[in-house]
Amino acid sequence: MAEAVERGVEISGVYHGPEMDMALRNFEKSTKTGQAKIALWDAVKDRLIPKHSTPYSPNGPHDFMHNKVLVVDRKRVVTGSFNFSQNATKNAENMITMHDETIAGQYDQYIKNLVSKYR
């Protein structure tokens, strides 16, 4: 996404704020690799909306978002259990890519609604 931003591509979306905060704390403890990840995050973070969740409790609200979806060029959808991270490449994850402008448009609208809701 950072490379896309550098090329002037418009990006938007929602990310899980508490999870990213934890990842950033881990990056800060790291050496060169962590600093590089922070720089990439800094390039995209202002274009994304953080979604905060209530810590789980049996009687509390269930407002944890677990979506993993990308819409690319309003033509392609990438979704599944795959976390968009380096660690996910070491797990047994699934991913599906759909090349369908109608479906991509529906997902694009869904993401726009989430951005509007959590802004």
N, C-alpha and C. Protein backbone atom coordinates (compact mmCIF):
# COMPACT_ATOMS: atom_id res chain seq x y z
N MET A 1 0.81 -1.19 0.00
CA MET A 1 0.00 0.00 0.00
C MET A 1 0.86 1.26 0.00
N ALA A 2 1.99 1.20 0.70
CA ALA A 2 2.87 2.37 0.72
C ALA A 2 3.36 2.71 -0.68
N GLU A 3 3.68 1.69 -1.46
CA GLU A 3 4.12 1.93 -2.84
C GLU A 3 2.99 2.54 -3.67
N ALA A 4 1.77 2.08 -3.44
CA ALA A 4 0.62 2.64 -4.16
C ALA A 4 0.43 4.11 -3.81
N VAL A 5 0.55 4.43 -2.53
CA VAL A 5 0.42 5.83 -2.09
C VAL A 5 1.49 6.69 -2.77
N GLU A 6 2.71 6.18 -2.83
CA GLU A 6 3.79 6.93 -3.48
C GLU A 6 3.48 7.20 -4.95
N ARG A 7 2.74 6.29 -5.61
CA ARG A 7 2.36 6.47 -7.01
C ARG A 7 1.13 7.34 -7.17
N GLY A 8 0.55 7.79 -6.04
CA GLY A 8 -0.63 8.65 -6.11
C GLY A 8 -1.94 7.89 -6.13
N VAL A 9 -1.92 6.60 -5.85
CA VAL A 9 -3.13 5.80 -5.83
C VAL A 9 -3.93 6.13 -4.57
N GLU A 10 -5.23 6.31 -4.74
CA GLU A 10 -6.11 6.59 -3.60
C GLU A 10 -6.34 5.28 -2.84
N ILE A 11 -6.11 5.30 -1.54
CA ILE A 11 -6.44 4.14 -0.71
C ILE A 11 -7.28 4.61 0.47
N SER A 12 -8.14 3.73 0.94
CA SER A 12 -8.90 4.01 2.15
C SER A 12 -9.30 2.68 2.76
N GLY A 13 -9.69 2.72 4.01
CA GLY A 13 -10.13 1.51 4.67
C GLY A 13 -10.13 1.67 6.16
N VAL A 14 -10.36 0.54 6.82
CA VAL A 14 -10.45 0.49 8.28
C VAL A 14 -9.48 -0.57 8.76
N TYR A 15 -8.82 -0.29 9.88
CA TYR A 15 -7.93 -1.29 10.48
C TYR A 15 -8.26 -1.39 11.96
N HIS A 16 -7.86 -2.50 12.56
CA HIS A 16 -8.11 -2.72 13.98
C HIS A 16 -7.08 -1.94 14.78
N GLY A 17 -7.51 -0.84 15.38
CA GLY A 17 -6.61 0.07 16.08
C GLY A 17 -5.78 -0.58 17.18
N PRO A 18 -6.41 -1.29 18.15
CA PRO A 18 -5.62 -1.89 19.23
C PRO A 18 -4.58 -2.90 18.74
N GLU A 19 -4.92 -3.66 17.74
CA GLU A 19 -3.97 -4.65 17.21
C GLU A 19 -2.78 -3.95 16.55
N MET A 20 -3.05 -2.88 15.82
CA MET A 20 -1.97 -2.16 15.17
C MET A 20 -1.10 -1.44 16.20
N ASP A 21 -1.72 -0.92 17.26
CA ASP A 21 -0.93 -0.28 18.33
C ASP A 21 0.05 -1.28 18.93
N MET A 22 -0.42 -2.52 19.16
CA MET A 22 0.45 -3.55 19.71
C MET A 22 1.57 -3.89 18.72
N ALA A 23 1.23 -3.99 17.44
CA ALA A 23 2.26 -4.28 16.44
C ALA A 23 3.31 -3.18 16.40
N LEU A 24 2.88 -1.93 16.48
CA LEU A 24 3.83 -0.81 16.46
C LEU A 24 4.77 -0.84 17.66
N ARG A 25 4.22 -1.20 18.83
CA ARG A 25 5.09 -1.32 20.01
C ARG A 25 6.15 -2.40 19.79
N ASN A 26 5.76 -3.49 19.16
CA ASN A 26 6.73 -4.55 18.85
C ASN A 26 7.74 -4.08 17.81
N PHE A 27 7.30 -3.34 16.82
CA PHE A 27 8.21 -2.81 15.80
C PHE A 27 9.25 -1.89 16.44
N GLU A 28 8.79 -1.08 17.40
CA GLU A 28 9.70 -0.13 18.06
C GLU A 28 10.82 -0.84 18.83
N LYS A 29 10.54 -2.04 19.32
CA LYS A 29 11.54 -2.83 20.04
C LYS A 29 12.55 -3.46 19.09
N SER A 30 12.15 -3.61 17.86
CA SER A 30 13.00 -4.25 16.86
C SER A 30 14.06 -3.27 16.37
N THR A 31 15.00 -3.80 15.64
CA THR A 31 16.07 -2.95 15.10
C THR A 31 15.66 -2.40 13.75
N LYS A 32 16.48 -2.58 12.78
CA LYS A 32 16.28 -2.02 11.44
C LYS A 32 14.96 -2.47 10.80
N THR A 33 14.62 -3.73 10.93
CA THR A 33 13.39 -4.24 10.30
C THR A 33 12.17 -3.54 10.87
N GLY A 34 12.12 -3.39 12.18
CA GLY A 34 10.99 -2.71 12.80
C GLY A 34 10.86 -1.28 12.35
N GLN A 35 11.97 -0.59 12.25
CA GLN A 35 11.94 0.81 11.80
C GLN A 35 11.44 0.91 10.36
N ALA A 36 11.81 -0.05 9.52
CA ALA A 36 11.34 -0.05 8.13
C ALA A 36 9.83 -0.26 8.09
N LYS A 37 9.31 -1.14 8.94
CA LYS A 37 7.87 -1.38 8.99
C LYS A 37 7.13 -0.15 9.48
N ILE A 38 7.69 0.54 10.45
CA ILE A 38 7.08 1.78 10.94
C ILE A 38 7.04 2.82 9.83
N ALA A 39 8.09 2.92 9.06
CA ALA A 39 8.12 3.89 7.95
C ALA A 39 7.04 3.57 6.92
N LEU A 40 6.84 2.29 6.61
CA LEU A 40 5.78 1.91 5.67
C LEU A 40 4.41 2.26 6.24
N TRP A 41 4.22 1.98 7.52
CA TRP A 41 2.95 2.29 8.16
C TRP A 41 2.71 3.80 8.14
N ASP A 42 3.73 4.58 8.43
CA ASP A 42 3.59 6.04 8.43
C ASP A 42 3.14 6.57 7.07
N ALA A 43 3.50 5.87 6.01
CA ALA A 43 3.12 6.31 4.66
C ALA A 43 1.64 6.11 4.37
N VAL A 44 0.97 5.19 5.09
CA VAL A 44 -0.42 4.88 4.77
C VAL A 44 -1.41 5.21 5.88
N LYS A 45 -0.96 5.34 7.11
CA LYS A 45 -1.88 5.40 8.25
C LYS A 45 -2.88 6.55 8.19
N ASP A 46 -2.51 7.69 7.63
CA ASP A 46 -3.42 8.82 7.60
C ASP A 46 -4.57 8.62 6.61
N ARG A 47 -4.48 7.61 5.78
CA ARG A 47 -5.53 7.33 4.81
C ARG A 47 -6.51 6.26 5.30
N LEU A 48 -6.21 5.70 6.47
CA LEU A 48 -7.02 4.62 7.03
C LEU A 48 -7.65 5.05 8.35
N ILE A 49 -8.74 4.41 8.71
CA ILE A 49 -9.48 4.73 9.92
C ILE A 49 -9.27 3.62 10.94
N PRO A 50 -8.88 3.97 12.18
CA PRO A 50 -8.76 2.93 13.21
C PRO A 50 -10.13 2.54 13.77
N LYS A 51 -10.35 1.26 13.90
CA LYS A 51 -11.58 0.74 14.53
C LYS A 51 -11.18 0.21 15.89
N HIS A 52 -11.78 0.72 16.94
CA HIS A 52 -11.46 0.27 18.29
C HIS A 52 -12.51 -0.75 18.72
N SER A 53 -12.09 -1.73 19.48
CA SER A 53 -12.96 -2.81 19.93
C SER A 53 -12.96 -2.88 21.45
N THR A 54 -14.05 -3.37 21.98
CA THR A 54 -14.16 -3.62 23.41
C THR A 54 -13.50 -4.96 23.71
N PRO A 55 -12.63 -5.02 24.73
CA PRO A 55 -12.05 -6.32 25.08
C PRO A 55 -13.16 -7.35 25.35
N TYR A 56 -12.93 -8.57 24.94
CA TYR A 56 -13.94 -9.61 25.05
C TYR A 56 -14.32 -9.90 26.50
N SER A 57 -15.61 -10.05 26.72
CA SER A 57 -16.14 -10.59 27.96
C SER A 57 -17.44 -11.30 27.59
N PRO A 58 -17.81 -12.35 28.30
CA PRO A 58 -18.99 -13.13 27.91
C PRO A 58 -20.26 -12.30 27.80
N ASN A 59 -20.41 -11.27 28.63
CA ASN A 59 -21.64 -10.48 28.63
C ASN A 59 -21.49 -9.11 27.99
N GLY A 60 -20.30 -8.81 27.51
CA GLY A 60 -20.05 -7.50 26.91
C GLY A 60 -20.43 -7.47 25.44
N PRO A 61 -20.30 -6.30 24.83
CA PRO A 61 -20.61 -6.20 23.39
C PRO A 61 -19.57 -6.96 22.57
N HIS A 62 -20.02 -7.52 21.49
CA HIS A 62 -19.10 -8.19 20.56
C HIS A 62 -18.93 -7.26 19.36
N ASP A 63 -17.92 -6.42 19.43
CA ASP A 63 -17.72 -5.43 18.36
C ASP A 63 -16.34 -5.55 17.73
N PHE A 64 -15.77 -6.74 17.78
CA PHE A 64 -14.46 -6.98 17.20
C PHE A 64 -14.62 -7.24 15.71
N MET A 65 -13.95 -6.46 14.90
CA MET A 65 -14.02 -6.61 13.46
C MET A 65 -12.89 -7.53 13.00
N HIS A 66 -13.24 -8.52 12.21
CA HIS A 66 -12.23 -9.48 11.76
C HIS A 66 -12.22 -9.58 10.23
N ASN A 67 -12.61 -8.52 9.56
CA ASN A 67 -12.60 -8.50 8.09
C ASN A 67 -11.18 -8.50 7.56
N LYS A 68 -11.00 -9.16 6.45
CA LYS A 68 -9.72 -9.14 5.74
C LYS A 68 -10.08 -9.08 4.26
N VAL A 69 -10.12 -7.88 3.74
CA VAL A 69 -10.55 -7.72 2.35
C VAL A 69 -9.84 -6.52 1.72
N LEU A 70 -9.45 -6.70 0.49
CA LEU A 70 -8.89 -5.62 -0.32
C LEU A 70 -9.69 -5.54 -1.61
N VAL A 71 -9.95 -4.33 -2.05
CA VAL A 71 -10.51 -4.09 -3.37
C VAL A 71 -9.43 -3.39 -4.16
N VAL A 72 -9.07 -3.96 -5.30
CA VAL A 72 -7.97 -3.44 -6.11
C VAL A 72 -8.53 -2.89 -7.42
N ASP A 73 -8.28 -1.62 -7.66
CA ASP A 73 -8.67 -0.97 -8.91
C ASP A 73 -10.16 -1.11 -9.23
N ARG A 74 -10.98 -1.28 -8.20
CA ARG A 74 -12.43 -1.45 -8.35
C ARG A 74 -12.79 -2.59 -9.29
N LYS A 75 -11.87 -3.54 -9.47
CA LYS A 75 -12.08 -4.67 -10.38
C LYS A 75 -11.83 -6.02 -9.73
N ARG A 76 -11.06 -6.03 -8.65
CA ARG A 76 -10.62 -7.29 -8.05
C ARG A 76 -10.82 -7.24 -6.55
N VAL A 77 -11.26 -8.37 -5.98
CA VAL A 77 -11.44 -8.49 -4.53
C VAL A 77 -10.53 -9.60 -4.04
N VAL A 78 -9.80 -9.33 -2.97
CA VAL A 78 -8.96 -10.33 -2.32
C VAL A 78 -9.48 -10.45 -0.89
N THR A 79 -9.87 -11.66 -0.49
CA THR A 79 -10.41 -11.86 0.85
C THR A 79 -10.15 -13.28 1.32
N GLY A 80 -10.32 -13.53 2.59
CA GLY A 80 -10.12 -14.85 3.17
C GLY A 80 -9.61 -14.71 4.59
N SER A 81 -8.98 -15.76 5.10
CA SER A 81 -8.46 -15.73 6.47
C SER A 81 -7.07 -15.12 6.54
N PHE A 82 -6.46 -14.90 5.41
CA PHE A 82 -5.08 -14.41 5.33
C PHE A 82 -4.97 -13.00 5.90
N ASN A 83 -4.15 -12.84 6.94
CA ASN A 83 -3.81 -11.52 7.45
C ASN A 83 -2.80 -10.91 6.48
N PHE A 84 -2.96 -9.68 6.14
CA PHE A 84 -2.06 -9.04 5.19
C PHE A 84 -0.78 -8.64 5.92
N SER A 85 0.01 -9.67 6.26
CA SER A 85 1.25 -9.46 7.00
C SER A 85 2.27 -10.52 6.60
N GLN A 86 3.50 -10.26 6.94
CA GLN A 86 4.58 -11.22 6.67
C GLN A 86 4.36 -12.51 7.44
N ASN A 87 3.90 -12.41 8.69
CA ASN A 87 3.67 -13.62 9.49
C ASN A 87 2.65 -14.55 8.87
N ALA A 88 1.66 -14.00 8.19
CA ALA A 88 0.62 -14.83 7.59
C ALA A 88 1.17 -15.78 6.54
N THR A 89 2.31 -15.44 5.96
CA THR A 89 2.89 -16.32 4.95
C THR A 89 3.43 -17.60 5.56
N LYS A 90 3.51 -17.66 6.90
CA LYS A 90 4.02 -18.84 7.59
C LYS A 90 2.89 -19.68 8.17
N ASN A 91 1.65 -19.27 7.99
CA ASN A 91 0.49 -19.97 8.54
C ASN A 91 -0.28 -20.68 7.44
N ALA A 92 -1.19 -21.54 7.86
CA ALA A 92 -2.11 -22.20 6.93
C ALA A 92 -3.33 -21.28 6.78
N GLU A 93 -3.27 -20.39 5.85
CA GLU A 93 -4.33 -19.41 5.62
C GLU A 93 -4.98 -19.67 4.27
N ASN A 94 -6.18 -19.11 4.09
CA ASN A 94 -6.81 -19.21 2.78
C ASN A 94 -7.08 -17.82 2.23
N MET A 95 -7.17 -17.75 0.93
CA MET A 95 -7.40 -16.48 0.26
C MET A 95 -8.10 -16.78 -1.07
N ILE A 96 -9.00 -15.93 -1.42
CA ILE A 96 -9.66 -16.04 -2.71
C ILE A 96 -9.55 -14.68 -3.40
N THR A 97 -9.30 -14.72 -4.69
CA THR A 97 -9.26 -13.51 -5.50
C THR A 97 -10.38 -13.60 -6.53
N MET A 98 -11.23 -12.59 -6.55
CA MET A 98 -12.35 -12.55 -7.50
C MET A 98 -12.12 -11.40 -8.47
N HIS A 99 -12.19 -11.69 -9.73
CA HIS A 99 -12.04 -10.69 -10.78
C HIS A 99 -13.44 -10.41 -11.34
N ASP A 100 -14.16 -9.55 -10.66
CA ASP A 100 -15.55 -9.28 -11.05
C ASP A 100 -15.87 -7.85 -10.62
N GLU A 101 -16.13 -6.98 -11.58
CA GLU A 101 -16.36 -5.57 -11.25
C GLU A 101 -17.62 -5.36 -10.42
N THR A 102 -18.65 -6.19 -10.61
CA THR A 102 -19.87 -6.06 -9.82
C THR A 102 -19.60 -6.39 -8.36
N ILE A 103 -18.94 -7.51 -8.12
CA ILE A 103 -18.60 -7.90 -6.74
C ILE A 103 -17.64 -6.88 -6.14
N ALA A 104 -16.66 -6.44 -6.92
CA ALA A 104 -15.71 -5.45 -6.42
C ALA A 104 -16.44 -4.17 -6.04
N GLY A 105 -17.41 -3.77 -6.81
CA GLY A 105 -18.19 -2.58 -6.51
C GLY A 105 -18.97 -2.72 -5.21
N GLN A 106 -19.51 -3.93 -4.98
CA GLN A 106 -20.25 -4.17 -3.73
C GLN A 106 -19.31 -4.12 -2.53
N TYR A 107 -18.15 -4.74 -2.65
CA TYR A 107 -17.18 -4.68 -1.56
C TYR A 107 -16.67 -3.25 -1.36
N ASP A 108 -16.45 -2.53 -2.45
CA ASP A 108 -15.99 -1.16 -2.35
C ASP A 108 -17.00 -0.31 -1.56
N GLN A 109 -18.28 -0.49 -1.85
CA GLN A 109 -19.31 0.25 -1.12
C GLN A 109 -19.35 -0.16 0.35
N TYR A 110 -19.19 -1.45 0.61
CA TYR A 110 -19.14 -1.95 1.99
C TYR A 110 -18.01 -1.29 2.76
N ILE A 111 -16.84 -1.21 2.15
CA ILE A 111 -15.69 -0.58 2.80
C ILE A 111 -15.95 0.91 3.01
N LYS A 112 -16.52 1.58 2.02
CA LYS A 112 -16.85 3.00 2.18
C LYS A 112 -17.82 3.21 3.34
N ASN A 113 -18.78 2.31 3.50
CA ASN A 113 -19.72 2.41 4.62
C ASN A 113 -19.00 2.24 5.96
N LEU A 114 -18.05 1.32 6.03
CA LEU A 114 -17.28 1.13 7.26
C LEU A 114 -16.44 2.37 7.57
N VAL A 115 -15.80 2.91 6.56
CA VAL A 115 -14.99 4.12 6.75
C VAL A 115 -15.89 5.24 7.29
N SER A 116 -17.05 5.40 6.70
CA SER A 116 -17.98 6.44 7.14
C SER A 116 -18.44 6.19 8.58
N LYS A 117 -18.72 4.96 8.90
CA LYS A 117 -19.21 4.62 10.24
C LYS A 117 -18.17 4.90 11.32
N TYR A 118 -16.92 4.57 11.06
CA TYR A 118 -15.88 4.67 12.09
C TYR A 118 -15.06 5.96 12.02
N ARG A 119 -15.34 6.81 11.08
CA ARG A 119 -14.63 8.09 10.96
C ARG A 119 -14.96 8.99 12.12
